[in-house]
Structure formats: C-alpha cells, structure tokens
C-alpha cells in the first residue's frame, strides 16, 4: 500500500482592490479659504465739485476647479433706509453703481495651463478701468448692479483651474477681483443703502 504525502495548499498571495471616484469639484472662497462674506463700504457719498468716482477696494475671490467653470453674479434689489422725500428728485438706484471684474491673477505652480489660460470676462464686465464721469452725472458704466438683478448672469468662464491639491493648497487657485464704483450726487437723502451680490461657481 503506497503512502502519499499530503498536498501543500498554503496561500502565498492575495489582492486588495482600492476604488473610489473623483467627482466634479469647484470652489469659490475668500482669502482665508472660507466662505466668501465680504462688505464693501462706499461711505458717505457727498457731492463735490469734481468728476471723481467713489470706488471700492476690490474684493478678492479665489477660484479652484478640476473642470471648466463659469461664475454667475446676482444682485438683490437696492434696500434704502431712512430715505427722505424725493420731492421731484431721484434716489440712488442700482443703475448708478458700476460693477465688474477689475483684475485676475492667473498664475501659480499648481494652476493648470498657468500663463496660457483661457479665462474670459463676459462682455461689459471688464472693469479694469472705469469710465470718466462728465458734468457730475452717472457715467456710462458698461455694467451696473442693475444688469445682474434677478437670475444669475454669467460674468466669467474658463478652463480647468487646479492641477491638484485642495482648498488648503496655496498655489492651485486663480484670484478674481470684483469692484464697484459710483459718483456722489444730489440723490434723495438716506441714512443707508445696500445691495447683496451673490457669486456662484459651477462646472457646465
């Protein structure tokens, strides 16, 4: 009778499958990399004997994306507190407040196609220079807050922004600077006025 040696069945290898997904990701933050919430104070708009616009310090918005993107802007109606009687005159209106993109910074070691990007400011929203008022009247702004009331209006679009990294990465975003401007005039007196601009980033 033959005696057979037991067969060797030791397991010497195995597999681990790693899986996941990379969804479309876009972000719009302030310079602290948190939710954008900024206030622009134009101050007391006292009429003067000049044609000098009152302008805001531009608000910096940092954009990141792993896909082509667009930015829309929407302004609320103008809220006026402590308004006096018009008495035949005009109150300040959204049409008196220019709005646009004053500049864009497109470089960074982890910005896709840095130096050769295709970011496009929508027609009329390039506010790198403001128009010059004449005769102390509201100048012909190419776009005002009135142009972005209601549904969001596209103001900027472009190709993928971030090569890699996340919202804490210091060189994978582009900076977009938004500004407003108005000319102080003899508008109906008020104690304050305000409008809220909402910016939204999306991947079309």
Protein backbone atom coordinates (compact mmCIF):
# COMPACT_ATOMS: atom_id res chain seq x y z
CA UNK A 1 0.00 0.00 0.00
CA UNK A 2 1.55 3.30 -1.03
CA UNK A 3 1.59 6.16 1.47
CA UNK A 4 1.08 9.53 -0.21
CA UNK A 5 2.44 12.81 1.25
CA UNK A 6 -0.29 15.41 1.95
CA UNK A 7 -0.63 18.09 -0.75
CA UNK A 8 0.62 21.61 0.15
CA UNK A 9 -2.14 24.21 -0.12
CA UNK A 10 -0.55 27.21 1.70
CA UNK A 11 -1.93 30.62 0.46
CA UNK A 12 1.02 32.79 -0.52
CA UNK A 13 -0.62 35.80 -2.19
CA UNK A 14 -3.83 37.87 -2.25
CA UNK A 15 -5.29 41.09 -3.56
CA UNK A 16 -6.76 44.32 -2.18
CA UNK A 17 -8.82 46.43 -4.57
CA UNK A 18 -8.82 50.14 -3.95
CA UNK A 19 -11.67 52.05 -5.59
CA UNK A 20 -13.27 55.46 -5.44
CA UNK A 21 -14.24 58.34 -7.66
CA UNK A 22 -13.19 61.92 -8.34
CA UNK A 23 -16.37 63.98 -8.77
CA UNK A 24 -16.52 67.36 -10.45
CA UNK A 25 -15.23 69.83 -7.86
CA UNK A 26 -15.34 73.63 -7.87
CA UNK A 27 -14.82 76.12 -5.07
CA UNK A 28 -15.15 79.85 -4.51
CA UNK A 29 -13.59 81.19 -1.29
CA UNK A 30 -12.21 84.31 0.34
CA UNK A 31 -8.50 84.79 1.06
CA UNK A 32 -8.84 82.77 4.29
CA UNK A 33 -10.10 79.82 2.21
CA UNK A 34 -13.52 80.00 3.88
CA UNK A 35 -16.99 81.02 2.71
CA UNK A 36 -16.95 84.33 0.89
CA UNK A 37 -18.62 87.00 3.01
CA UNK A 38 -17.29 90.47 2.39
CA UNK A 39 -18.58 94.00 2.94
CA UNK A 40 -17.85 96.95 0.69
CA UNK A 41 -18.35 100.33 2.34
CA UNK A 42 -18.64 103.24 -0.07
CA UNK A 43 -19.11 105.64 2.85
CA UNK A 44 -20.95 108.93 2.80
CA UNK A 45 -21.36 109.95 -0.85
CA UNK A 46 -21.17 113.73 -0.51
CA UNK A 47 -21.44 115.62 -3.83
CA UNK A 48 -18.33 117.61 -4.75
CA UNK A 49 -17.10 119.94 -7.46
CA UNK A 50 -15.38 117.21 -9.44
CA UNK A 51 -15.95 114.10 -11.53
CA UNK A 52 -14.20 111.68 -9.19
CA UNK A 53 -15.77 108.26 -8.77
CA UNK A 54 -16.01 106.64 -5.37
CA UNK A 55 -14.65 103.12 -5.81
CA UNK A 56 -14.38 100.12 -3.53
CA UNK A 57 -11.27 98.24 -2.61
CA UNK A 58 -11.65 95.24 -4.93
CA UNK A 59 -12.84 92.04 -3.26
CA UNK A 60 -10.51 89.10 -3.92
CA UNK A 61 -12.22 85.79 -4.69
CA UNK A 62 -10.19 82.58 -5.03
CA UNK A 63 -11.39 80.03 -7.58
CA UNK A 64 -10.44 76.36 -7.86
CA UNK A 65 -11.81 73.61 -10.12
CA UNK A 66 -10.96 70.29 -11.72
CA UNK A 67 -13.08 71.07 -14.77
CA UNK A 68 -14.06 74.04 -16.92
CA UNK A 69 -16.08 76.53 -14.86
CA UNK A 70 -18.25 79.60 -15.00
CA UNK A 71 -19.10 82.32 -12.48
CA UNK A 72 -22.50 83.96 -12.26
CA UNK A 73 -23.42 87.08 -10.28
CA UNK A 74 -26.77 88.23 -8.96
CA UNK A 75 -27.62 91.45 -7.10
CA UNK A 76 -30.55 91.96 -4.77
CA UNK A 77 -32.83 94.97 -5.09
CA UNK A 78 -31.47 98.14 -3.52
CA UNK A 79 -32.57 98.45 0.09
CA UNK A 80 -32.77 102.06 1.31
CA UNK A 81 -33.15 103.01 4.96
CA UNK A 82 -34.11 106.41 6.29
CA UNK A 83 -34.97 107.70 2.84
CA UNK A 84 -36.25 111.24 2.61
CA UNK A 85 -38.89 112.60 0.26
CA UNK A 86 -37.88 112.56 -3.40
CA UNK A 87 -39.55 115.97 -3.79
CA UNK A 88 -39.06 115.87 -7.55
CA UNK A 89 -35.54 114.43 -7.38
CA UNK A 90 -34.04 110.98 -7.86
CA UNK A 91 -32.90 108.46 -5.24
CA UNK A 92 -29.75 106.46 -5.84
CA UNK A 93 -30.51 103.35 -7.92
CA UNK A 94 -28.75 100.15 -8.97
CA UNK A 95 -28.10 101.81 -12.34
CA UNK A 96 -25.86 104.34 -10.56
CA UNK A 97 -23.47 101.69 -9.22
CA UNK A 98 -20.99 100.22 -11.67
CA UNK A 99 -19.93 96.59 -11.23
CA UNK A 100 -17.26 94.41 -12.77
CA UNK A 101 -14.00 92.48 -12.59
CA UNK A 102 -11.07 94.81 -12.02
CA UNK A 103 -8.29 92.22 -12.48
CA UNK A 104 -7.44 88.48 -12.47
CA UNK A 105 -4.31 86.69 -11.29
CA UNK A 106 -3.87 83.54 -13.37
CA UNK A 107 -0.52 82.15 -12.21
CA UNK A 108 0.52 79.51 -9.68
CA UNK A 109 2.70 76.39 -9.75
CA UNK A 110 -0.38 74.18 -9.49
CA UNK A 111 -2.65 76.21 -11.77
CA UNK A 112 -3.46 74.29 -14.95
CA UNK A 113 -2.02 75.93 -18.06
CA UNK A 114 -0.60 78.75 -15.96
CA UNK A 115 0.45 81.59 -18.23
CA UNK A 116 -1.63 80.32 -21.15
CA UNK A 117 -5.12 80.19 -19.74
CA UNK A 118 -8.41 80.86 -21.50
CA UNK A 119 -10.41 82.65 -18.77
CA UNK A 120 -12.88 85.04 -20.39
CA UNK A 121 -14.61 88.01 -18.77
CA UNK A 122 -18.14 88.31 -20.14
CA UNK A 123 -18.80 91.31 -22.36
CA UNK A 124 -19.12 94.53 -20.39
CA UNK A 125 -17.87 93.14 -17.07
CA UNK A 126 -14.22 94.12 -17.59
CA UNK A 127 -13.80 96.96 -15.09
CA UNK A 128 -10.01 97.25 -15.28
CA UNK A 129 -10.76 100.93 -15.99
CA UNK A 130 -13.91 102.82 -15.01
CA UNK A 131 -15.48 105.39 -17.35
CA UNK A 132 -14.85 109.06 -16.67
CA UNK A 133 -17.93 110.98 -15.50
CA UNK A 134 -18.80 114.28 -17.15
CA UNK A 135 -20.95 117.12 -15.86
CA UNK A 136 -21.26 115.45 -12.44
CA UNK A 137 -23.64 112.75 -13.70
CA UNK A 138 -23.50 108.95 -13.53
CA UNK A 139 -21.10 107.86 -16.27
CA UNK A 140 -21.88 105.25 -18.90
CA UNK A 141 -20.83 102.17 -16.91
CA UNK A 142 -20.71 99.17 -19.23
CA UNK A 143 -22.40 97.14 -16.48
CA UNK A 144 -24.11 98.13 -13.25
CA UNK A 145 -25.73 96.24 -10.40
CA UNK A 146 -28.95 96.61 -12.33
CA UNK A 147 -27.52 94.32 -15.03
CA UNK A 148 -27.19 91.41 -12.60
CA UNK A 149 -30.56 91.56 -10.84
CA UNK A 150 -32.78 88.51 -10.88
CA UNK A 151 -31.32 85.23 -12.13
CA UNK A 152 -27.54 84.88 -12.07
CA UNK A 153 -25.72 86.47 -15.00
CA UNK A 154 -22.50 84.90 -16.26
CA UNK A 155 -19.55 87.21 -15.66
CA UNK A 156 -16.55 84.89 -16.10
CA UNK A 157 -15.72 81.47 -17.54
CA UNK A 158 -12.62 79.43 -18.15
CA UNK A 159 -10.87 76.10 -18.43
CA UNK A 160 -9.87 73.82 -15.55
CA UNK A 161 -8.07 75.77 -12.83
CA UNK A 162 -6.35 73.36 -10.41
CA UNK A 163 -3.80 70.71 -11.39
CA UNK A 164 -4.07 69.08 -7.97
CA UNK A 165 -4.23 69.94 -4.28
CA UNK A 166 -7.28 71.01 -2.28
CA UNK A 167 -8.66 74.18 -0.72
CA UNK A 168 -5.67 74.46 1.63
CA UNK A 169 -3.15 74.41 -1.25
CA UNK A 170 -1.51 77.81 -1.67
CA UNK A 171 -0.78 77.78 -5.42
CA UNK A 172 -3.65 76.00 -7.21
CA UNK A 173 -6.17 78.84 -7.50
CA UNK A 174 -6.75 81.95 -9.55
CA UNK A 175 -7.72 85.23 -7.89
CA UNK A 176 -10.54 87.31 -9.34
CA UNK A 177 -11.04 90.87 -8.06
CA UNK A 178 -14.54 92.36 -8.12
CA UNK A 179 -15.19 96.08 -7.75
CA UNK A 180 -17.99 98.63 -7.60
CA UNK A 181 -18.00 102.36 -8.29
CA UNK A 182 -20.40 105.28 -8.16
CA UNK A 183 -20.37 109.06 -8.47
CA UNK A 184 -21.57 111.04 -5.44
CA UNK A 185 -24.51 113.25 -6.47
CA UNK A 186 -27.51 115.12 -5.04
CA UNK A 187 -29.55 111.95 -4.69
CA UNK A 188 -32.51 111.87 -2.31
CA UNK A 189 -31.05 111.72 1.24
CA UNK A 190 -30.95 108.43 3.11
CA UNK A 191 -29.23 107.02 6.17
CA UNK A 192 -28.03 103.91 4.34
CA UNK A 193 -28.45 101.81 1.22
CA UNK A 194 -27.32 98.30 0.37
CA UNK A 195 -27.48 95.51 -2.17
CA UNK A 196 -26.12 91.99 -1.79
CA UNK A 197 -24.16 90.44 -4.66
CA UNK A 198 -24.20 86.64 -4.80
CA UNK A 199 -21.41 84.91 -6.75
CA UNK A 200 -21.82 81.28 -7.80
CA UNK A 201 -19.28 78.94 -9.40
CA UNK A 202 -20.41 75.93 -11.42
CA UNK A 203 -18.99 73.38 -13.84
CA UNK A 204 -21.12 73.44 -17.00
